Protein backbone atom coordinates (compact mmCIF):
# COMPACT_ATOMS: atom_id res chain seq x y z
CA MET A 1 -53.35 66.57 32.14
CA PRO A 2 -56.13 68.75 33.62
CA LYS A 3 -55.60 72.49 33.41
CA VAL A 4 -54.62 74.21 36.64
CA SER A 5 -57.47 76.22 38.16
CA GLU A 6 -57.05 79.98 37.88
CA LYS A 7 -57.34 80.39 41.65
CA PHE A 8 -54.01 78.56 42.00
CA GLN A 9 -52.25 80.56 39.28
CA VAL A 10 -50.19 83.74 39.55
CA SER A 11 -49.95 86.81 37.34
CA PRO A 12 -47.28 86.85 34.60
CA TYR A 13 -45.13 89.51 36.29
CA PHE A 14 -44.49 87.20 39.25
CA VAL A 15 -42.25 85.15 36.95
CA PHE A 16 -39.67 87.91 37.47
CA PHE A 17 -39.52 87.12 41.20
CA LEU A 18 -39.80 83.35 40.73
CA ILE A 19 -36.80 83.20 38.41
CA HIS A 20 -34.60 85.71 40.22
CA GLY A 21 -35.55 84.29 43.61
CA MET A 22 -34.38 80.86 42.49
CA GLN A 23 -31.16 82.05 40.81
CA TYR A 24 -30.03 84.46 43.51
CA GLY A 25 -28.76 82.31 46.37
CA VAL A 26 -25.66 81.23 48.25
CA GLY A 27 -23.67 81.09 45.02
CA ILE A 28 -23.20 84.85 44.94
CA LEU A 29 -21.31 84.74 48.24
CA GLY A 30 -18.31 83.03 46.66
CA PHE A 31 -18.74 82.51 42.93
CA GLN A 32 -15.91 84.93 42.05
CA ARG A 33 -13.07 82.58 42.98
CA LEU A 34 -14.28 79.74 40.79
CA ILE A 35 -14.49 81.93 37.70
CA ALA A 36 -11.27 83.86 38.36
CA LYS A 37 -9.29 80.61 38.54
CA HIS A 38 -9.83 80.29 34.80
CA ALA A 39 -10.68 83.72 33.39
CA LYS A 40 -8.52 85.86 35.74
CA HIS A 41 -9.38 89.58 35.37
CA ASP A 42 -11.60 88.80 32.36
CA ALA A 43 -13.99 86.91 34.63
CA TRP A 44 -16.67 89.54 34.03
CA ILE A 45 -16.81 88.39 30.40
CA SER A 46 -17.53 84.85 31.59
CA VAL A 47 -20.45 86.20 33.60
CA LEU A 48 -21.84 87.91 30.50
CA ILE A 49 -21.54 84.74 28.41
CA ALA A 50 -23.32 82.69 31.08
CA GLY A 51 -26.07 85.32 31.24
CA ILE A 52 -26.60 85.22 27.48
CA MET A 53 -26.85 81.43 27.59
CA THR A 54 -29.65 81.61 30.18
CA HIS A 55 -31.69 83.80 27.82
CA LEU A 56 -31.30 81.24 25.03
CA ILE A 57 -32.34 78.35 27.29
CA VAL A 58 -35.42 80.17 28.60
CA TRP A 59 -36.42 81.00 25.03
CA LEU A 60 -36.23 77.27 24.26
CA ILE A 61 -38.36 76.43 27.32
CA TYR A 62 -41.15 78.71 26.12
CA ARG A 63 -40.96 77.19 22.65
CA LEU A 64 -41.16 73.70 24.18
CA PHE A 65 -44.49 74.46 25.81
CA GLU A 66 -45.82 76.25 22.74
CA ASN A 67 -45.29 73.09 20.70
CA SER A 68 -46.50 70.67 23.37
CA ASN A 69 -49.92 69.03 23.50
CA GLY A 70 -49.95 69.46 27.28
CA ASN A 71 -48.92 72.29 29.54
CA ASN A 72 -46.33 70.65 31.80
CA ILE A 73 -42.94 68.98 31.55
CA LEU A 74 -44.40 65.49 32.12
CA SER A 75 -46.50 65.93 28.97
CA VAL A 76 -43.42 67.06 27.05
CA HIS A 77 -41.44 64.02 28.22
CA ASN A 78 -44.27 61.63 27.38
CA GLN A 79 -44.77 63.23 23.97
CA ILE A 80 -41.10 62.80 23.07
CA ALA A 81 -40.04 59.57 24.79
CA GLY A 82 -43.24 57.74 25.59
CA VAL A 83 -44.85 57.20 28.98
CA ARG A 84 -42.27 54.87 30.54
CA LEU A 85 -39.07 56.57 29.44
CA GLY A 86 -40.69 59.98 29.89
CA SER A 87 -41.52 59.08 33.50
CA VAL A 88 -37.85 58.21 34.08
CA PHE A 89 -36.80 61.64 32.79
CA THR A 90 -39.37 63.32 35.02
CA PHE A 91 -38.15 61.41 38.08
CA LEU A 92 -34.53 62.36 37.36
CA LEU A 93 -35.62 65.99 37.07
CA SER A 94 -37.22 65.77 40.52
CA ILE A 95 -33.98 64.36 41.97
CA TYR A 96 -32.15 67.30 40.40
CA PHE A 97 -34.37 69.79 42.26
CA ILE A 98 -33.89 67.88 45.51
CA ALA A 99 -30.11 67.98 45.04
CA GLN A 100 -30.29 71.73 44.48
CA ALA A 101 -32.18 72.18 47.74
CA VAL A 102 -29.63 70.05 49.61
CA ASN A 103 -26.80 72.12 48.14
CA VAL A 104 -28.36 75.46 49.09
CA LEU A 105 -29.20 74.37 52.64
CA ARG A 106 -25.83 72.78 53.40
CA THR A 107 -23.84 75.66 51.92
CA TYR A 108 -25.79 78.25 53.94
CA VAL A 109 -25.26 76.25 57.13
CA GLU A 110 -21.54 76.10 56.34
CA VAL A 111 -21.37 79.87 55.81
CA THR A 112 -23.12 80.41 59.14
CA GLN A 113 -20.69 78.06 60.90
CA VAL A 114 -17.56 79.60 59.36
CA TRP A 115 -18.48 83.27 59.72
CA MET A 116 -20.82 83.48 62.70
CA PHE A 117 -21.38 80.49 64.99
CA ALA A 118 -18.66 77.86 64.69
CA THR A 119 -20.30 75.48 67.17
CA ILE A 120 -23.85 75.63 65.83
CA ASN A 121 -25.38 72.19 65.37
CA THR A 122 -25.87 71.45 61.68
CA ASN A 123 -28.84 69.16 62.20
CA ILE A 124 -30.80 71.44 64.52
CA PHE A 125 -30.24 74.54 62.38
CA SER A 126 -31.15 72.65 59.20
CA PHE A 127 -34.25 71.19 60.84
CA LEU A 128 -35.52 74.64 61.83
CA LEU A 129 -35.04 75.94 58.28
CA LEU A 130 -36.82 72.92 56.85
CA VAL A 131 -39.77 73.54 59.17
CA LEU A 132 -40.12 76.99 57.58
CA VAL A 133 -39.94 75.40 54.15
CA LEU A 134 -42.61 72.85 55.11
CA TYR A 135 -44.95 75.58 56.33
CA ALA A 136 -44.52 77.57 53.11
CA VAL A 137 -44.76 74.70 50.63
CA LEU A 138 -47.88 73.23 52.23
CA GLY A 139 -49.51 76.62 51.66
CA GLY A 140 -49.39 76.02 47.92
CA PHE A 141 -47.74 77.62 44.93
CA ARG A 142 -49.12 81.10 45.59
CA VAL A 143 -47.54 81.11 49.06
CA VAL A 144 -44.24 79.94 47.57
CA THR A 145 -44.50 82.78 45.05
CA GLY A 146 -44.99 85.21 47.93
CA ILE A 147 -41.84 83.85 49.58
CA CYS A 148 -39.95 84.47 46.33
CA PHE A 149 -41.31 88.03 46.18
CA LEU A 150 -40.24 88.79 49.76
CA GLY A 151 -36.92 87.03 49.24
CA VAL A 152 -36.13 89.41 46.39
CA VAL A 153 -37.52 92.67 47.80
CA ILE A 154 -36.54 92.64 51.50
CA PRO A 155 -32.80 91.78 51.15
CA SER A 156 -32.43 94.10 48.14
CA PHE A 157 -30.59 96.66 50.31
CA LEU A 158 -27.58 94.33 50.21
CA LEU A 159 -27.15 95.08 46.50
CA LEU A 160 -25.84 98.53 47.39
CA THR A 161 -23.02 97.16 49.53
CA PHE A 162 -20.81 96.76 46.46
CA LEU A 163 -20.29 100.54 46.64
CA SER A 164 -17.92 99.94 49.55
CA THR A 165 -15.30 98.63 47.09
CA ILE A 166 -15.14 101.82 45.03
CA GLU A 167 -13.10 103.70 47.64
CA PHE A 168 -10.42 100.99 47.72
CA GLY A 169 -10.78 99.67 44.17
CA VAL A 170 -8.03 99.59 41.56
CA PHE A 171 -9.86 99.98 38.25
CA GLY A 172 -6.72 99.28 36.25
CA ARG A 173 -7.14 95.61 37.13
CA PHE A 174 -9.65 95.30 34.30
CA TYR A 175 -6.86 95.78 31.76
CA PRO A 176 -5.75 94.43 29.39
CA VAL A 177 -9.16 93.20 28.26
CA LEU A 178 -9.32 89.78 26.55
CA ASN A 179 -5.77 89.00 27.62
CA VAL A 180 -6.91 85.52 28.64
CA PRO A 181 -7.41 82.72 26.07
CA LEU A 182 -11.01 82.28 24.94
CA VAL A 183 -11.00 78.69 26.22
CA ASP A 184 -10.32 79.92 29.76
CA ILE A 185 -13.10 82.51 29.51
CA LEU A 186 -15.50 79.76 28.41
CA LEU A 187 -14.33 77.56 31.28
CA GLY A 188 -15.11 80.47 33.58
CA ALA A 189 -18.59 80.66 32.08
CA LYS A 190 -19.01 76.95 32.79
CA GLN A 191 -18.07 77.52 36.44
CA MET A 192 -20.71 80.24 36.54
CA SER A 193 -23.39 77.66 35.78
CA LEU A 194 -23.96 76.64 39.42
CA SER A 195 -24.66 80.25 40.36
CA VAL A 196 -27.23 80.90 37.62
CA LEU A 197 -29.09 77.61 37.98
CA GLY A 198 -32.68 77.75 39.14
CA PHE A 199 -34.56 79.31 36.24
CA GLU A 200 -35.20 75.80 34.87
CA ALA A 201 -37.85 75.44 37.60
CA LEU A 202 -39.98 77.22 34.99
CA LEU A 203 -40.38 73.76 33.44
CA VAL A 204 -42.50 72.74 36.44
CA TYR A 205 -44.47 75.84 37.43
CA PHE A 206 -45.25 76.93 33.86
CA PRO A 207 -48.90 75.68 34.12
CA PHE A 208 -49.37 77.90 37.19
CA ILE A 209 -48.83 81.12 35.23
CA LYS A 210 -51.83 83.03 33.93
CA ASN A 211 -51.37 83.85 30.24
CA PRO A 212 -47.91 82.22 30.01
CA LYS A 213 -47.09 84.02 26.75
CA LYS A 214 -47.26 87.36 28.56
CA SER A 215 -44.77 86.13 31.15
CA GLU A 216 -41.90 85.64 28.70
CA PRO A 217 -40.73 89.30 28.75
CA TRP A 218 -40.75 89.16 32.57
CA ALA A 219 -38.67 85.99 32.46
CA HIS A 220 -36.03 87.63 30.28
CA ALA A 221 -36.11 90.79 32.41
CA SER A 222 -35.41 88.65 35.47
CA LEU A 223 -32.49 86.90 33.76
CA LEU A 224 -31.08 90.28 32.73
CA PHE A 225 -31.39 91.60 36.27
CA THR A 226 -29.66 88.52 37.69
CA THR A 227 -26.84 88.84 35.16
CA VAL A 228 -26.34 92.51 36.04
CA VAL A 229 -26.24 91.69 39.76
CA TYR A 230 -23.61 88.99 39.26
CA LEU A 231 -21.69 91.23 36.89
CA VAL A 232 -21.58 94.03 39.46
CA TRP A 233 -20.35 91.70 42.21
CA MET A 234 -17.77 90.19 39.88
CA ALA A 235 -16.48 93.63 38.89
CA SER A 236 -16.39 94.69 42.55
CA ALA A 237 -14.24 91.69 43.42
CA ILE A 238 -11.88 92.30 40.48
CA ILE A 239 -11.14 95.89 41.51
CA PHE A 240 -10.96 95.05 45.23
CA PHE A 241 -8.71 91.96 45.11
CA SER A 242 -5.66 91.15 43.07
CA THR A 243 -6.01 88.11 40.83
CA ALA A 244 -3.90 86.01 43.20
CA GLN A 245 -6.04 87.03 46.17
CA LEU A 246 -9.28 86.41 44.32
CA GLU A 247 -8.24 82.89 43.33
CA LYS A 248 -7.73 82.00 47.01
CA ASN A 249 -10.69 83.81 48.58
CA ILE A 250 -13.47 81.27 49.11
CA TRP A 251 -16.10 83.85 50.15
CA ALA A 252 -15.20 87.01 48.23
CA THR A 253 -18.53 88.77 48.76
CA LEU A 254 -18.37 88.20 52.52
CA SER A 255 -14.81 89.52 52.57
CA ILE A 256 -16.02 92.68 50.84
CA TRP A 257 -18.69 93.12 53.51
CA LYS A 258 -15.97 93.09 56.17
CA VAL A 259 -14.74 96.54 55.07
CA ILE A 260 -18.15 98.15 55.60
CA GLU A 261 -18.16 100.33 58.71
CA LEU A 262 -21.37 101.50 60.36
CA PRO A 263 -21.69 103.43 63.64
CA PHE A 264 -24.10 100.88 65.14
CA VAL A 265 -22.49 97.59 64.03
CA GLU A 266 -18.86 96.51 63.81
CA ARG A 267 -19.23 93.46 61.58
CA PHE A 268 -21.66 94.06 58.74
CA GLU A 269 -21.24 90.53 57.41
CA TYR A 270 -23.32 89.34 60.36
CA ILE A 271 -26.23 91.41 59.04
CA GLY A 272 -25.60 90.15 55.51
CA ILE A 273 -25.54 86.47 56.48
CA ALA A 274 -28.65 86.83 58.66
CA ALA A 275 -30.51 88.61 55.85
CA TRP A 276 -29.36 85.93 53.43
CA CYS A 277 -31.72 83.51 55.15
CA LEU A 278 -34.50 85.35 53.30
CA VAL A 279 -32.56 84.91 50.06
CA ILE A 280 -32.18 81.14 50.35
CA LEU A 281 -35.78 80.48 51.42
CA PRO A 282 -37.09 80.91 47.84
CA ASN A 283 -34.39 78.47 46.66
CA LEU A 284 -35.50 75.87 49.18
CA CYS A 285 -39.25 76.42 48.94
CA LEU A 286 -39.46 76.47 45.16
CA GLY A 287 -37.05 73.55 44.79
CA VAL A 288 -39.05 71.38 47.19
CA TRP A 289 -42.33 72.47 45.62
CA CYS A 290 -41.09 71.57 42.11
CA ALA A 291 -39.89 68.13 43.21
CA SER A 292 -43.11 67.40 45.10
CA ARG A 293 -45.25 68.58 42.17
CA LEU A 294 -43.41 66.22 39.83
CA TRP A 295 -43.91 63.34 42.27
CA ARG A 296 -47.60 64.19 42.50
CA GLU A 297 -47.98 63.93 38.73
CA LEU A 298 -45.67 60.93 38.45
CA PHE A 299 -46.82 58.70 41.32
CA HIS A 300 -50.38 60.05 41.69
CA ILE A 301 -49.98 60.81 45.40
CA GLU A 302 -51.03 63.84 47.40
CA GLN A 303 -48.47 66.60 47.10
CA LYS A 304 -48.23 67.12 50.86
CA ASN A 305 -47.16 63.49 51.30
CA ALA A 306 -44.48 64.01 48.66
CA VAL A 307 -43.32 67.12 50.54
CA TYR A 308 -42.86 65.15 53.77
CA ILE A 309 -40.82 62.47 52.01
CA ILE A 310 -38.66 64.97 50.13
CA LEU A 311 -37.89 67.02 53.25
CA ALA A 312 -36.90 63.82 55.06
CA ILE A 313 -34.57 62.93 52.18
CA ILE A 314 -33.00 66.40 52.29
CA PHE A 315 -32.49 66.23 56.05
CA LEU A 316 -30.94 62.74 55.94
CA SER A 317 -28.69 63.75 53.02
CA LEU A 318 -27.01 66.35 55.22
CA TYR A 319 -25.40 63.60 57.30
CA SER A 320 -23.18 62.61 54.37
CA LEU A 321 -22.09 66.22 53.74
CA ASN A 322 -20.04 66.53 56.92
CA SER A 323 -16.88 68.30 55.78
CA ARG A 324 -15.79 71.23 53.62
CA GLU A 325 -14.15 68.89 51.10
CA ILE A 326 -17.29 66.81 50.63
CA VAL A 327 -19.50 69.90 50.35
CA ASN A 328 -17.16 71.41 47.76
CA GLN A 329 -17.12 68.13 45.81
CA PHE A 330 -20.91 67.99 45.88
CA ASN A 331 -21.09 71.60 44.63
CA THR A 332 -18.74 70.73 41.78
CA ILE A 333 -20.76 67.67 40.75
CA LEU A 334 -24.05 69.57 40.90
CA GLY A 335 -22.53 72.44 38.92
CA ASN A 336 -21.39 70.05 36.18
CA VAL A 337 -24.78 68.32 36.10
CA GLY A 338 -26.51 71.69 35.91
CA PHE A 339 -24.20 72.87 33.13
CA TYR A 340 -24.85 69.85 30.92
CA PHE A 341 -28.53 70.01 31.83
CA LEU A 342 -28.70 73.53 30.44
CA ILE A 343 -26.61 73.12 27.30
CA SER A 344 -27.72 69.63 26.28
CA TYR A 345 -30.92 68.40 27.95
CA ILE A 346 -33.24 71.32 27.17
CA PRO A 347 -31.93 71.92 23.61
CA LEU A 348 -32.13 68.16 23.00
CA LEU A 349 -35.75 68.12 24.19
CA PHE A 350 -36.50 70.96 21.78
CA ILE A 351 -34.92 69.15 18.82
CA LEU A 352 -36.55 65.80 19.66
CA GLN A 353 -39.92 67.50 20.02
CA ILE A 354 -39.63 68.96 16.51
CA LEU A 355 -38.60 65.57 15.10
CA ALA A 356 -41.44 63.79 16.94
CA ARG A 357 -44.02 66.25 15.60
CA LYS A 358 -42.75 65.83 12.03
CA TRP A 359 -42.64 62.04 12.31
CA ARG A 360 -46.16 61.80 13.71
CA GLY A 361 -47.39 64.28 11.15
CA ALA A 362 -45.92 62.15 8.38
């Protein structure tokens, strides 16, 4: 594969914003309930375990590319499984990124309908968001990186809203620590997988990083920051809600925002949901860009044509996600796929790559 021109590449420190911008999405608005159903008041430990796992997986991704003859995931697949089977793996990976984009878009539309505008038309609202995504993705990877940067920096004021729980929090709810079986804590960490997904996009945009080796510390710094953010929001929910309340609250973060009182606005969650549009844009833009890039390499078509097709698929997919039950089921399936993708697919690639190198060397 030809090397990406330097004019299309980004500096290593932008990996921080690319990874965090992809991980930090709609999941943080309601991830607490899913984890608390298993880990109860020890849910914060599940968040830590999930965070540690992301560091291990990213370390493996960097080792994959160090040992590869090429500099992209298609080369890795072809090196391990051959051209035909490797192409199948690459295509499935592109479908995975498309599914992630569908999940983010539909969940955000649902949040907007439930908390702000109950009668808003799903198709029209989704279409307008996809137009923004189209405009950004057609600008190229550097524009998408800029969207990720803005999507991290501008809504960062929302991170401080967790302070509103301190006044009403019951810190004794953290105790007793490790009172839940280890199996339940691990199940909670599994449920956390959907919220921390996104960093695996590094598999696709790795060739677009200048001096990739220098970007690895930034990648781990981003993962650490994401873990701390989720840990803070998990702890805030634990002290603010009882365990029984937390297990039933679908949108715990939004419920916390309801207690915030400002002299110029009565319902702060309206500000939070509106600002969250900037948070989900990196999820959508980078997901669509990754899928279209893979199609460009796989089918040898212009990337802009792949973008049009992928956005059409995303838009049409929304018609089948027409109820809360179906959306929740889709989230569950994608979370399970993402979990096994992280703990099996990438480590398996790493092991097979080592075996392939030894076999060919012999």
